[in-house]
Amino acid sequence: MASMKVVQLSGGVGGARLARGFAALDDVDLTVVVNVGDDAENHGLAISPDIDTVVYTIAGEEGPYGWGRRGDTFRFNDEVSRFGIDNTFRIGDLDLAAKLFRTIEMRRGIPLSKVTETIVAGFGLGVTVTPVTDDRLRTMVETEIGWLTFQEYFVERRFQDEVRSLRFDGAETALPAPGVVEAIADADTVVIGPSNPPLSIWPILAVPGVREAVTGHGHVTAVSPLVQGRTVKGPAAAVMTSLGLPPGNRGVGEAYAGLIERLVVHETDQTGLGLSAVEVVSTDILLPDLDASRRLAAFLVGG
C-alpha cells in the first residue's frame, strides 16, 4: 500500500510537535514546509529557529520548553558576556553545532534547503524538512515603539508589545525553495499545524506561489492553536485580536479564509462557528508528548 503524502506548514513549537506525530506514522510520507520569517543572525551565526525546532522535536531532542536541545548547557552563551557581548538570545552548546554548520555552508553559497537536508540526515530522520524559501525573508512587527524584527519583538521584548501590523520583508521577490510547490500539489492532504497564524503561517503564505498552491489543493486542514480562546503556547490569541481578527477559533478560521476546507479545534470548544465552506471538527489537540502527537496526526489523516 502506498504511503499517504502529507505536507505540513509549520512554525513554532506547536507545529513541530504535530510534525513529530506525522513522522511517527508508518504509512505517512511527510514533508514539513517551515517558516523562515523568524530567521536572524546572532553572534555571526545563521539562526533558523523554526527549522531547528522541527528537526530537534522529530528527533526527540527538543528542550524542555520546546526549543533548543534536550539536556543542553549554556557555557558558551554565558561566556560571551565576559566580553560585553549581548547574550539575550540563548544558544546552547549542543544547539551551537547545527547553527555553526549552517553558517559555514551558507557562506560557501549552499542554499538553506540543501543545508537543512544535510542536518535532517545528520539526525537520521526519514522525513523531508525544508524552508519555504532559500531567499531572505524576515517578519517585521509594528508596535507602539516602531518596527521590530521578530526576534526583537519575541525574544528581547518577550512579545509584550501590542502588534499593530506585520510585513514580510523580501517576500515579494522570494522564490519557493525547490520542491515546495510540487510537494503541495502532489500531497494527498495539506495540514497547517497549530501554529500562530499571523506570525508563523502568514510568512510561509507570503512567498509567491505558495498561497496559490495551498488554495488550489482542495484538501487543506488547519489545527487551531487555541483552547477555549486561549493560546496553548505563545501570543497567538493576542496577536490575532490586535490585528483585527475575531476572538477565538473564528479568528483562526478567518486567518485562513479561502485556504482551508477543515478546521480542527479542541474537544471542549464549539464547532458551530459559522465559517463559510469550512467544516469544523473537534478532538484533543493538546500535544504534551509523542503519543498525543501521534494520535492527532492519525486523526488528521484518517478523518
C-alpha atoms as a PDB file:
ATOM      1  CA  MET A   1       0.000   0.000   0.000  1.00  0.00           C
ATOM      2  CA  ALA A   2       1.374   3.440  -0.953  1.00  0.00           C
ATOM      3  CA  SER A   3       2.091   5.883   1.839  1.00  0.00           C
ATOM      4  CA  MET A   4      -0.153   8.902   2.263  1.00  0.00           C
ATOM      5  CA  LYS A   5       1.673  12.052   1.220  1.00  0.00           C
ATOM      6  CA  VAL A   6       1.273  14.777   3.823  1.00  0.00           C
ATOM      7  CA  VAL A   7       2.603  18.321   3.572  1.00  0.00           C
ATOM      8  CA  GLN A   8       2.563  20.268   6.814  1.00  0.00           C
ATOM      9  CA  LEU A   9       3.095  24.010   7.066  1.00  0.00           C
ATOM     10  CA  SER A  10       4.906  24.587  10.332  1.00  0.00           C
ATOM     11  CA  GLY A  11       6.173  27.291  12.618  1.00  0.00           C
ATOM     12  CA  GLY A  12       6.901  27.415  16.326  1.00  0.00           C
ATOM     13  CA  VAL A  13       6.676  24.688  18.938  1.00  0.00           C
ATOM     14  CA  GLY A  14       3.095  23.618  18.133  1.00  0.00           C
ATOM     15  CA  GLY A  15       3.865  22.944  14.505  1.00  0.00           C
ATOM     16  CA  ALA A  16       6.951  20.943  15.443  1.00  0.00           C
ATOM     17  CA  ARG A  17       5.016  18.817  17.915  1.00  0.00           C
ATOM     18  CA  LEU A  18       2.425  17.916  15.294  1.00  0.00           C
ATOM     19  CA  ALA A  19       5.197  17.091  12.813  1.00  0.00           C
ATOM     20  CA  ARG A  20       6.668  14.546  15.232  1.00  0.00           C
ATOM     21  CA  GLY A  21       3.279  12.823  15.245  1.00  0.00           C
ATOM     22  CA  PHE A  22       3.151  12.524  11.451  1.00  0.00           C
ATOM     23  CA  ALA A  23       6.779  11.349  11.422  1.00  0.00           C
ATOM     24  CA  ALA A  24       5.831   8.550  13.832  1.00  0.00           C
ATOM     25  CA  LEU A  25       3.162   7.116  11.498  1.00  0.00           C
ATOM     26  CA  ASP A  26       4.421   4.268   9.328  1.00  0.00           C
ATOM     27  CA  ASP A  27       2.099   4.978   6.407  1.00  0.00           C
ATOM     28  CA  VAL A  28       2.842   8.703   6.015  1.00  0.00           C
ATOM     29  CA  ASP A  29       5.348  10.288   3.645  1.00  0.00           C
ATOM     30  CA  LEU A  30       5.906  13.634   5.361  1.00  0.00           C
ATOM     31  CA  THR A  31       7.185  16.955   4.024  1.00  0.00           C
ATOM     32  CA  VAL A  32       7.376  19.818   6.509  1.00  0.00           C
ATOM     33  CA  VAL A  33       7.488  23.296   4.959  1.00  0.00           C
ATOM     34  CA  VAL A  34       8.878  25.616   7.599  1.00  0.00           C
ATOM     35  CA  ASN A  35       8.604  29.331   8.312  1.00  0.00           C
ATOM     36  CA  VAL A  36      11.832  31.317   7.951  1.00  0.00           C
ATOM     37  CA  GLY A  37      10.440  34.748   8.853  1.00  0.00           C
ATOM     38  CA  ASP A  38      11.976  34.314  12.319  1.00  0.00           C
ATOM     39  CA  ASP A  39      15.467  33.716  10.913  1.00  0.00           C
ATOM     40  CA  ALA A  40      18.212  36.026  12.099  1.00  0.00           C
ATOM     41  CA  GLU A  41      21.926  36.400  12.635  1.00  0.00           C
ATOM     42  CA  ASN A  42      23.323  36.196  16.160  1.00  0.00           C
ATOM     43  CA  HIS A  43      26.989  36.160  17.163  1.00  0.00           C
ATOM     44  CA  GLY A  44      27.645  35.974  13.422  1.00  0.00           C
ATOM     45  CA  LEU A  45      25.710  32.706  13.196  1.00  0.00           C
ATOM     46  CA  ALA A  46      22.822  31.926  10.841  1.00  0.00           C
ATOM     47  CA  ILE A  47      19.827  31.245  13.069  1.00  0.00           C
ATOM     48  CA  SER A  48      16.785  29.343  11.756  1.00  0.00           C
ATOM     49  CA  PRO A  49      14.741  28.765  14.928  1.00  0.00           C
ATOM     50  CA  ASP A  50      11.699  27.091  13.416  1.00  0.00           C
ATOM     51  CA  ILE A  51      13.745  24.704  11.268  1.00  0.00           C
ATOM     52  CA  ASP A  52      15.844  23.632  14.238  1.00  0.00           C
ATOM     53  CA  THR A  53      12.763  23.223  16.426  1.00  0.00           C
ATOM     54  CA  VAL A  54      11.164  20.892  13.863  1.00  0.00           C
ATOM     55  CA  VAL A  55      14.340  18.829  13.453  1.00  0.00           C
ATOM     56  CA  TYR A  56      15.058  18.533  17.178  1.00  0.00           C
ATOM     57  CA  THR A  57      11.437  17.702  18.011  1.00  0.00           C
ATOM     58  CA  ILE A  58      11.067  14.958  15.401  1.00  0.00           C
ATOM     59  CA  ALA A  59      14.399  13.565  16.606  1.00  0.00           C
ATOM     60  CA  GLY A  60      13.168  13.573  20.221  1.00  0.00           C
ATOM     61  CA  GLU A  61      15.955  16.005  21.139  1.00  0.00           C
ATOM     62  CA  GLU A  62      13.945  19.149  21.859  1.00  0.00           C
ATOM     63  CA  GLY A  63      14.496  21.147  25.044  1.00  0.00           C
ATOM     64  CA  PRO A  64      12.046  21.306  27.968  1.00  0.00           C
ATOM     65  CA  TYR A  65      10.312  24.428  26.641  1.00  0.00           C
ATOM     66  CA  GLY A  66      10.034  23.069  23.098  1.00  0.00           C
ATOM     67  CA  TRP A  67      13.044  24.939  21.689  1.00  0.00           C
ATOM     68  CA  GLY A  68      16.744  24.186  21.818  1.00  0.00           C
ATOM     69  CA  ARG A  69      18.295  20.809  22.649  1.00  0.00           C
ATOM     70  CA  ARG A  70      17.394  18.457  25.470  1.00  0.00           C
ATOM     71  CA  GLY A  71      19.984  18.405  28.243  1.00  0.00           C
ATOM     72  CA  ASP A  72      21.860  21.336  26.756  1.00  0.00           C
ATOM     73  CA  THR A  73      24.244  23.584  28.666  1.00  0.00           C
ATOM     74  CA  PHE A  74      24.893  27.270  28.031  1.00  0.00           C
ATOM     75  CA  ARG A  75      28.560  27.732  28.890  1.00  0.00           C
ATOM     76  CA  PHE A  76      29.334  29.312  25.511  1.00  0.00           C
ATOM     77  CA  ASN A  77      26.352  31.642  25.742  1.00  0.00           C
ATOM     78  CA  ASP A  78      27.260  32.709  29.264  1.00  0.00           C
ATOM     79  CA  GLU A  79      30.961  33.053  28.470  1.00  0.00           C
ATOM     80  CA  VAL A  80      30.494  35.591  25.663  1.00  0.00           C
ATOM     81  CA  SER A  81      29.070  38.050  28.196  1.00  0.00           C
ATOM     82  CA  ARG A  82      32.590  38.264  29.643  1.00  0.00           C
ATOM     83  CA  PHE A  83      33.461  40.394  26.616  1.00  0.00           C
ATOM     84  CA  GLY A  84      30.380  42.585  26.765  1.00  0.00           C
ATOM     85  CA  ILE A  85      28.524  40.671  24.049  1.00  0.00           C
ATOM     86  CA  ASP A  86      24.743  40.634  24.402  1.00  0.00           C
ATOM     87  CA  ASN A  87      23.658  37.072  25.186  1.00  0.00           C
ATOM     88  CA  THR A  88      19.898  37.660  25.449  1.00  0.00           C
ATOM     89  CA  PHE A  89      19.328  35.183  22.625  1.00  0.00           C
ATOM     90  CA  ARG A  90      20.208  31.858  24.259  1.00  0.00           C
ATOM     91  CA  ILE A  91      22.224  29.403  22.176  1.00  0.00           C
ATOM     92  CA  GLY A  92      23.056  26.128  23.898  1.00  0.00           C
ATOM     93  CA  ASP A  93      26.351  24.316  23.472  1.00  0.00           C
ATOM     94  CA  LEU A  94      24.766  21.365  21.617  1.00  0.00           C
ATOM     95  CA  ASP A  95      22.497  23.688  19.632  1.00  0.00           C
ATOM     96  CA  LEU A  96      25.571  25.626  18.534  1.00  0.00           C
ATOM     97  CA  ALA A  97      26.692  22.745  16.301  1.00  0.00           C
ATOM     98  CA  ALA A  98      23.819  22.977  13.806  1.00  0.00           C
ATOM     99  CA  LYS A  99      23.995  26.760  13.754  1.00  0.00           C
ATOM    100  CA  LEU A 100      27.738  26.743  13.118  1.00  0.00           C
ATOM    101  CA  PHE A 101      27.357  24.157  10.342  1.00  0.00           C
ATOM    102  CA  ARG A 102      24.559  26.188   8.737  1.00  0.00           C
ATOM    103  CA  THR A 103      26.664  29.345   8.860  1.00  0.00           C
ATOM    104  CA  ILE A 104      29.726  27.709   7.307  1.00  0.00           C
ATOM    105  CA  GLU A 105      27.739  26.095   4.495  1.00  0.00           C
ATOM    106  CA  MET A 106      25.664  29.171   3.657  1.00  0.00           C
ATOM    107  CA  ARG A 107      28.798  31.313   3.496  1.00  0.00           C
ATOM    108  CA  ARG A 108      30.054  28.799   0.932  1.00  0.00           C
ATOM    109  CA  GLY A 109      26.947  29.556  -1.115  1.00  0.00           C
ATOM    110  CA  ILE A 110      24.998  26.406  -0.230  1.00  0.00           C
ATOM    111  CA  PRO A 111      21.260  27.234  -0.099  1.00  0.00           C
ATOM    112  CA  LEU A 112      19.377  26.850   3.163  1.00  0.00           C
ATOM    113  CA  SER A 113      17.247  23.996   1.798  1.00  0.00           C
ATOM    114  CA  LYS A 114      20.331  21.889   0.996  1.00  0.00           C
ATOM    115  CA  VAL A 115      21.907  22.712   4.363  1.00  0.00           C
ATOM    116  CA  THR A 116      18.684  21.678   6.089  1.00  0.00           C
ATOM    117  CA  GLU A 117      18.634  18.423   4.128  1.00  0.00           C
ATOM    118  CA  THR A 118      22.094  17.611   5.499  1.00  0.00           C
ATOM    119  CA  ILE A 119      21.088  18.497   9.059  1.00  0.00           C
ATOM    120  CA  VAL A 120      17.999  16.274   8.793  1.00  0.00           C
ATOM    121  CA  ALA A 121      20.186  13.415   7.527  1.00  0.00           C
ATOM    122  CA  GLY A 122      22.611  14.000  10.379  1.00  0.00           C
ATOM    123  CA  PHE A 123      19.817  13.299  12.843  1.00  0.00           C
ATOM    124  CA  GLY A 124      18.747  10.200  10.899  1.00  0.00           C
ATOM    125  CA  LEU A 125      15.233  11.432  10.194  1.00  0.00           C
ATOM    126  CA  GLY A 126      13.205   9.761   7.457  1.00  0.00           C
ATOM    127  CA  VAL A 127      11.216  12.870   6.564  1.00  0.00           C
ATOM    128  CA  THR A 128      11.660  15.931   4.390  1.00  0.00           C
ATOM    129  CA  VAL A 129      12.091  19.239   6.196  1.00  0.00           C
ATOM    130  CA  THR A 130      12.515  22.321   4.018  1.00  0.00           C
ATOM    131  CA  PRO A 131      12.407  26.081   4.437  1.00  0.00           C
ATOM    132  CA  VAL A 132       9.618  27.689   2.456  1.00  0.00           C
ATOM    133  CA  THR A 133      12.266  29.695   0.583  1.00  0.00           C
ATOM    134  CA  ASP A 134      16.032  29.872   0.222  1.00  0.00           C
ATOM    135  CA  ASP A 135      15.786  33.640  -0.143  1.00  0.00           C
ATOM    136  CA  ARG A 136      15.963  36.152   2.678  1.00  0.00           C
ATOM    137  CA  LEU A 137      12.543  36.604   4.300  1.00  0.00           C
ATOM    138  CA  ARG A 138      12.063  38.483   7.576  1.00  0.00           C
ATOM    139  CA  THR A 139       8.932  39.072   9.627  1.00  0.00           C
ATOM    140  CA  MET A 140       8.725  42.673  10.810  1.00  0.00           C
ATOM    141  CA  VAL A 141       6.373  43.632  13.641  1.00  0.00           C
ATOM    142  CA  GLU A 142       4.945  47.134  14.042  1.00  0.00           C
ATOM    143  CA  THR A 143       4.388  48.172  17.669  1.00  0.00           C
ATOM    144  CA  GLU A 144       3.859  51.446  19.516  1.00  0.00           C
ATOM    145  CA  ILE A 145       7.633  51.956  19.593  1.00  0.00           C
ATOM    146  CA  GLY A 146       8.017  51.328  15.863  1.00  0.00           C
ATOM    147  CA  TRP A 147       9.038  48.418  13.675  1.00  0.00           C
ATOM    148  CA  LEU A 148      10.851  45.491  15.293  1.00  0.00           C
ATOM    149  CA  THR A 149      12.396  42.358  13.862  1.00  0.00           C
ATOM    150  CA  PHE A 150      10.667  39.209  15.004  1.00  0.00           C
ATOM    151  CA  GLN A 151      13.490  38.315  17.390  1.00  0.00           C
ATOM    152  CA  GLU A 152      13.447  41.808  18.926  1.00  0.00           C
ATOM    153  CA  TYR A 153       9.694  41.505  19.460  1.00  0.00           C
ATOM    154  CA  PHE A 154       9.639  37.897  20.612  1.00  0.00           C
ATOM    155  CA  VAL A 155      12.918  37.277  22.427  1.00  0.00           C
ATOM    156  CA  GLU A 156      14.261  40.645  23.571  1.00  0.00           C
ATOM    157  CA  ARG A 157      10.883  42.188  24.480  1.00  0.00           C
ATOM    158  CA  ARG A 158       9.163  38.861  25.284  1.00  0.00           C
ATOM    159  CA  PHE A 159       6.163  39.569  22.997  1.00  0.00           C
ATOM    160  CA  GLN A 160       4.697  42.108  25.424  1.00  0.00           C
ATOM    161  CA  ASP A 161       4.095  44.800  22.784  1.00  0.00           C
ATOM    162  CA  GLU A 162       0.748  45.061  21.004  1.00  0.00           C
ATOM    163  CA  VAL A 163       1.141  44.107  17.356  1.00  0.00           C
ATOM    164  CA  ARG A 164      -0.290  46.814  15.109  1.00  0.00           C
ATOM    165  CA  SER A 165       0.665  45.342  11.759  1.00  0.00           C
ATOM    166  CA  LEU A 166       3.057  42.945  10.077  1.00  0.00           C
ATOM    167  CA  ARG A 167       5.154  42.959   6.968  1.00  0.00           C
ATOM    168  CA  PHE A 168       7.314  40.240   5.459  1.00  0.00           C
ATOM    169  CA  ASP A 169      10.456  41.825   4.085  1.00  0.00           C
ATOM    170  CA  GLY A 170      11.765  40.071   0.988  1.00  0.00           C
ATOM    171  CA  ALA A 171       8.613  38.057   0.376  1.00  0.00           C
ATOM    172  CA  GLU A 172       7.657  39.870  -2.799  1.00  0.00           C
ATOM    173  CA  THR A 173      10.837  38.739  -4.579  1.00  0.00           C
ATOM    174  CA  ALA A 174      11.338  35.394  -2.844  1.00  0.00           C
ATOM    175  CA  LEU A 175      11.010  32.108  -4.707  1.00  0.00           C
ATOM    176  CA  PRO A 176       9.710  28.907  -3.138  1.00  0.00           C
ATOM    177  CA  ALA A 177      12.503  26.523  -2.181  1.00  0.00           C
ATOM    178  CA  PRO A 178      12.997  23.660  -4.652  1.00  0.00           C
ATOM    179  CA  GLY A 179      10.193  21.130  -4.419  1.00  0.00           C
ATOM    180  CA  VAL A 180       7.889  23.112  -2.132  1.00  0.00           C
ATOM    181  CA  VAL A 181       5.130  23.925  -4.629  1.00  0.00           C
ATOM    182  CA  GLU A 182       5.456  20.477  -6.234  1.00  0.00           C
ATOM    183  CA  ALA A 183       5.144  18.740  -2.844  1.00  0.00           C
ATOM    184  CA  ILE A 184       1.977  20.682  -2.055  1.00  0.00           C
ATOM    185  CA  ALA A 185       0.448  19.869  -5.438  1.00  0.00           C
ATOM    186  CA  ASP A 186       1.342  16.180  -5.098  1.00  0.00           C
ATOM    187  CA  ALA A 187       0.187  15.796  -1.479  1.00  0.00           C
ATOM    188  CA  ASP A 188      -2.856  13.773  -0.524  1.00  0.00           C
ATOM    189  CA  THR A 189      -3.517  16.291   2.220  1.00  0.00           C
ATOM    190  CA  VAL A 190      -2.074  19.601   3.392  1.00  0.00           C
ATOM    191  CA  VAL A 191      -2.121  20.391   7.094  1.00  0.00           C
ATOM    192  CA  ILE A 192      -1.490  23.743   8.723  1.00  0.00           C
ATOM    193  CA  GLY A 193      -0.098  22.990  12.159  1.00  0.00           C
ATOM    194  CA  PRO A 194      -1.263  24.511  15.464  1.00  0.00           C
ATOM    195  CA  SER A 195       0.992  27.487  14.883  1.00  0.00           C
ATOM    196  CA  ASN A 196       0.449  31.217  15.351  1.00  0.00           C
ATOM    197  CA  PRO A 197      -1.428  32.111  12.125  1.00  0.00           C
ATOM    198  CA  PRO A 198      -0.089  35.662  11.568  1.00  0.00           C
ATOM    199  CA  LEU A 199       3.445  35.155  12.895  1.00  0.00           C
ATOM    200  CA  SER A 200       4.217  31.583  11.808  1.00  0.00           C
ATOM    201  CA  ILE A 201       1.998  30.725   8.839  1.00  0.00           C
ATOM    202  CA  TRP A 202       1.371  34.021   7.046  1.00  0.00           C
ATOM    203  CA  PRO A 203       5.127  34.383   6.295  1.00  0.00           C
ATOM    204  CA  ILE A 204       5.010  30.989   4.555  1.00  0.00           C
ATOM    205  CA  LEU A 205       1.976  32.023   2.535  1.00  0.00           C
ATOM    206  CA  ALA A 206       3.599  35.349   1.638  1.00  0.00           C
ATOM    207  CA  VAL A 207       6.101  33.628  -0.659  1.00  0.00           C
ATOM    208  CA  PRO A 208       4.700  33.942  -4.199  1.00  0.00           C
ATOM    209  CA  GLY A 209       3.273  30.674  -5.458  1.00  0.00           C
ATOM    210  CA  VAL A 210       2.814  29.052  -2.055  1.00  0.00           C
ATOM    211  CA  ARG A 211      -0.578  30.523  -1.168  1.00  0.00           C
ATOM    212  CA  GLU A 212      -1.790  29.728  -4.674  1.00  0.00           C
ATOM    213  CA  ALA A 213      -0.630  26.113  -4.346  1.00  0.00           C
ATOM    214  CA  VAL A 214      -2.399  25.717  -0.990  1.00  0.00           C
ATOM    215  CA  THR A 215      -5.564  27.444  -2.196  1.00  0.00           C
ATOM    216  CA  GLY A 216      -5.733  25.214  -5.254  1.00  0.00           C
ATOM    217  CA  HIS A 217      -5.188  21.973  -3.391  1.00  0.00           C
ATOM    218  CA  GLY A 218      -8.730  21.268  -2.212  1.00  0.00           C
ATOM    219  CA  HIS A 219      -7.904  19.166   0.855  1.00  0.00           C
ATOM    220  CA  VAL A 220      -6.387  21.513   3.444  1.00  0.00           C
ATOM    221  CA  THR A 221      -6.875  21.207   7.204  1.00  0.00           C
ATOM    222  CA  ALA A 222      -5.794  23.680   9.862  1.00  0.00           C
ATOM    223  CA  VAL A 223      -5.334  22.816  13.530  1.00  0.00           C
ATOM    224  CA  SER A 224      -6.210  25.614  15.927  1.00  0.00           C
ATOM    225  CA  PRO A 225      -3.514  26.859  18.316  1.00  0.00           C
ATOM    226  CA  LEU A 226      -6.234  27.889  20.798  1.00  0.00           C
ATOM    227  CA  VAL A 227      -8.130  26.120  23.558  1.00  0.00           C
ATOM    228  CA  GLN A 228     -11.221  27.922  24.846  1.00  0.00           C
ATOM    229  CA  GLY A 229      -9.976  31.121  23.255  1.00  0.00           C
ATOM    230  CA  ARG A 230      -6.590  30.986  24.915  1.00  0.00           C
ATOM    231  CA  THR A 231      -3.243  30.309  23.314  1.00  0.00           C
ATOM    232  CA  VAL A 232      -1.713  26.938  24.133  1.00  0.00           C
ATOM    233  CA  LYS A 233       1.751  28.488  23.812  1.00  0.00           C
ATOM    234  CA  GLY A 234       2.870  31.975  22.741  1.00  0.00           C
ATOM    235  CA  PRO A 235       0.963  35.145  21.810  1.00  0.00           C
ATOM    236  CA  ALA A 236      -1.343  33.882  19.044  1.00  0.00           C
ATOM    237  CA  ALA A 237      -4.639  34.965  20.642  1.00  0.00           C
ATOM    238  CA  ALA A 238      -3.407  38.468  21.471  1.00  0.00           C
ATOM    239  CA  VAL A 239      -1.803  38.966  18.055  1.00  0.00           C
ATOM    240  CA  MET A 240      -4.904  37.869  16.142  1.00  0.00           C
ATOM    241  CA  THR A 241      -7.092  40.206  18.197  1.00  0.00           C
ATOM    242  CA  SER A 242      -4.748  43.177  17.789  1.00  0.00           C
ATOM    243  CA  LEU A 243      -4.708  42.610  14.029  1.00  0.00           C
ATOM    244  CA  GLY A 244      -8.500  42.803  13.882  1.00  0.00           C
ATOM    245  CA  LEU A 245      -9.401  39.124  13.639  1.00  0.00           C
ATOM    246  CA  PRO A 246     -12.399  37.855  15.642  1.00  0.00           C
ATOM    247  CA  PRO A 247     -11.619  36.272  19.005  1.00  0.00           C
ATOM    248  CA  GLY A 248     -11.207  32.530  19.427  1.00  0.00           C
ATOM    249  CA  ASN A 249     -11.419  29.884  16.747  1.00  0.00           C
ATOM    250  CA  ARG A 250     -13.486  32.047  14.459  1.00  0.00           C
ATOM    251  CA  GLY A 251     -10.422  34.260  14.192  1.00  0.00           C
ATOM    252  CA  VAL A 252      -8.290  31.244  13.309  1.00  0.00           C
ATOM    253  CA  GLY A 253     -10.736  30.306  10.579  1.00  0.00           C
ATOM    254  CA  GLU A 254     -10.767  33.836   9.181  1.00  0.00           C
ATOM    255  CA  ALA A 255      -6.952  33.977   9.310  1.00  0.00           C
ATOM    256  CA  TYR A 256      -7.045  31.136   6.767  1.00  0.00           C
ATOM    257  CA  ALA A 257     -10.050  32.343   4.764  1.00  0.00           C
ATOM    258  CA  GLY A 258     -10.146  30.810   1.302  1.00  0.00           C
ATOM    259  CA  LEU A 259      -7.370  28.345   2.145  1.00  0.00           C
ATOM    260  CA  ILE A 260      -8.855  25.593   4.275  1.00  0.00           C
ATOM    261  CA  GLU A 261     -11.695  23.121   3.999  1.00  0.00           C
ATOM    262  CA  ARG A 262     -11.494  21.888   7.592  1.00  0.00           C
ATOM    263  CA  LEU A 263     -10.604  23.426  10.964  1.00  0.00           C
ATOM    264  CA  VAL A 264      -9.814  21.148  13.891  1.00  0.00           C
ATOM    265  CA  VAL A 265     -10.485  22.640  17.324  1.00  0.00           C
ATOM    266  CA  HIS A 266     -10.159  21.336  20.870  1.00  0.00           C
ATOM    267  CA  GLU A 267     -12.799  18.930  22.101  1.00  0.00           C
ATOM    268  CA  THR A 268     -14.018  21.483  24.676  1.00  0.00           C
ATOM    269  CA  ASP A 269     -14.606  24.163  22.040  1.00  0.00           C
ATOM    270  CA  GLN A 270     -17.703  24.867  19.971  1.00  0.00           C
ATOM    271  CA  THR A 271     -17.787  23.710  16.364  1.00  0.00           C
ATOM    272  CA  GLY A 272     -20.621  25.971  15.222  1.00  0.00           C
ATOM    273  CA  LEU A 273     -18.510  28.932  14.166  1.00  0.00           C
ATOM    274  CA  GLY A 274     -20.456  29.912  11.064  1.00  0.00           C
ATOM    275  CA  LEU A 275     -17.392  29.789   8.846  1.00  0.00           C
ATOM    276  CA  SER A 276     -18.358  29.655   5.196  1.00  0.00           C
ATOM    277  CA  ALA A 277     -17.284  26.480   3.360  1.00  0.00           C
ATOM    278  CA  VAL A 278     -15.256  25.250   6.357  1.00  0.00           C
ATOM    279  CA  GLU A 279     -16.041  22.076   8.290  1.00  0.00           C
ATOM    280  CA  VAL A 280     -15.221  22.483  11.976  1.00  0.00           C
ATOM    281  CA  VAL A 281     -14.486  19.290  13.919  1.00  0.00           C
ATOM    282  CA  SER A 282     -13.234  18.735  17.442  1.00  0.00           C
ATOM    283  CA  THR A 283     -10.763  16.392  19.096  1.00  0.00           C
ATOM    284  CA  ASP A 284      -7.951  16.582  21.634  1.00  0.00           C
ATOM    285  CA  ILE A 285      -5.400  18.939  20.060  1.00  0.00           C
ATOM    286  CA  LEU A 286      -3.051  19.233  23.051  1.00  0.00           C
ATOM    287  CA  LEU A 287       0.375  17.772  22.272  1.00  0.00           C
ATOM    288  CA  PRO A 288       2.275  17.213  25.526  1.00  0.00           C
ATOM    289  CA  ASP A 289       4.089  14.101  24.322  1.00  0.00           C
ATOM    290  CA  LEU A 290       4.772  11.835  21.355  1.00  0.00           C
ATOM    291  CA  ASP A 291       1.716   9.645  21.931  1.00  0.00           C
ATOM    292  CA  ALA A 292      -0.609  12.648  21.846  1.00  0.00           C
ATOM    293  CA  SER A 293       1.090  13.933  18.701  1.00  0.00           C
ATOM    294  CA  ARG A 294       0.729  10.549  17.026  1.00  0.00           C
ATOM    295  CA  ARG A 295      -2.963  10.317  17.936  1.00  0.00           C
ATOM    296  CA  LEU A 296      -3.727  13.745  16.499  1.00  0.00           C
ATOM    297  CA  ALA A 297      -1.732  13.028  13.340  1.00  0.00           C
ATOM    298  CA  ALA A 298      -3.632   9.751  12.867  1.00  0.00           C
ATOM    299  CA  PHE A 299      -6.917  11.582  13.344  1.00  0.00           C
ATOM    300  CA  LEU A 300      -5.986  14.165  10.732  1.00  0.00           C
ATOM    301  CA  VAL A 301      -5.123  11.627   8.038  1.00  0.00           C
ATOM    302  CA  GLY A 302      -7.926   9.267   8.940  1.00  0.00           C
ATOM    303  CA  GLY A 303     -10.733  11.761   9.369  1.00  0.00           C
END
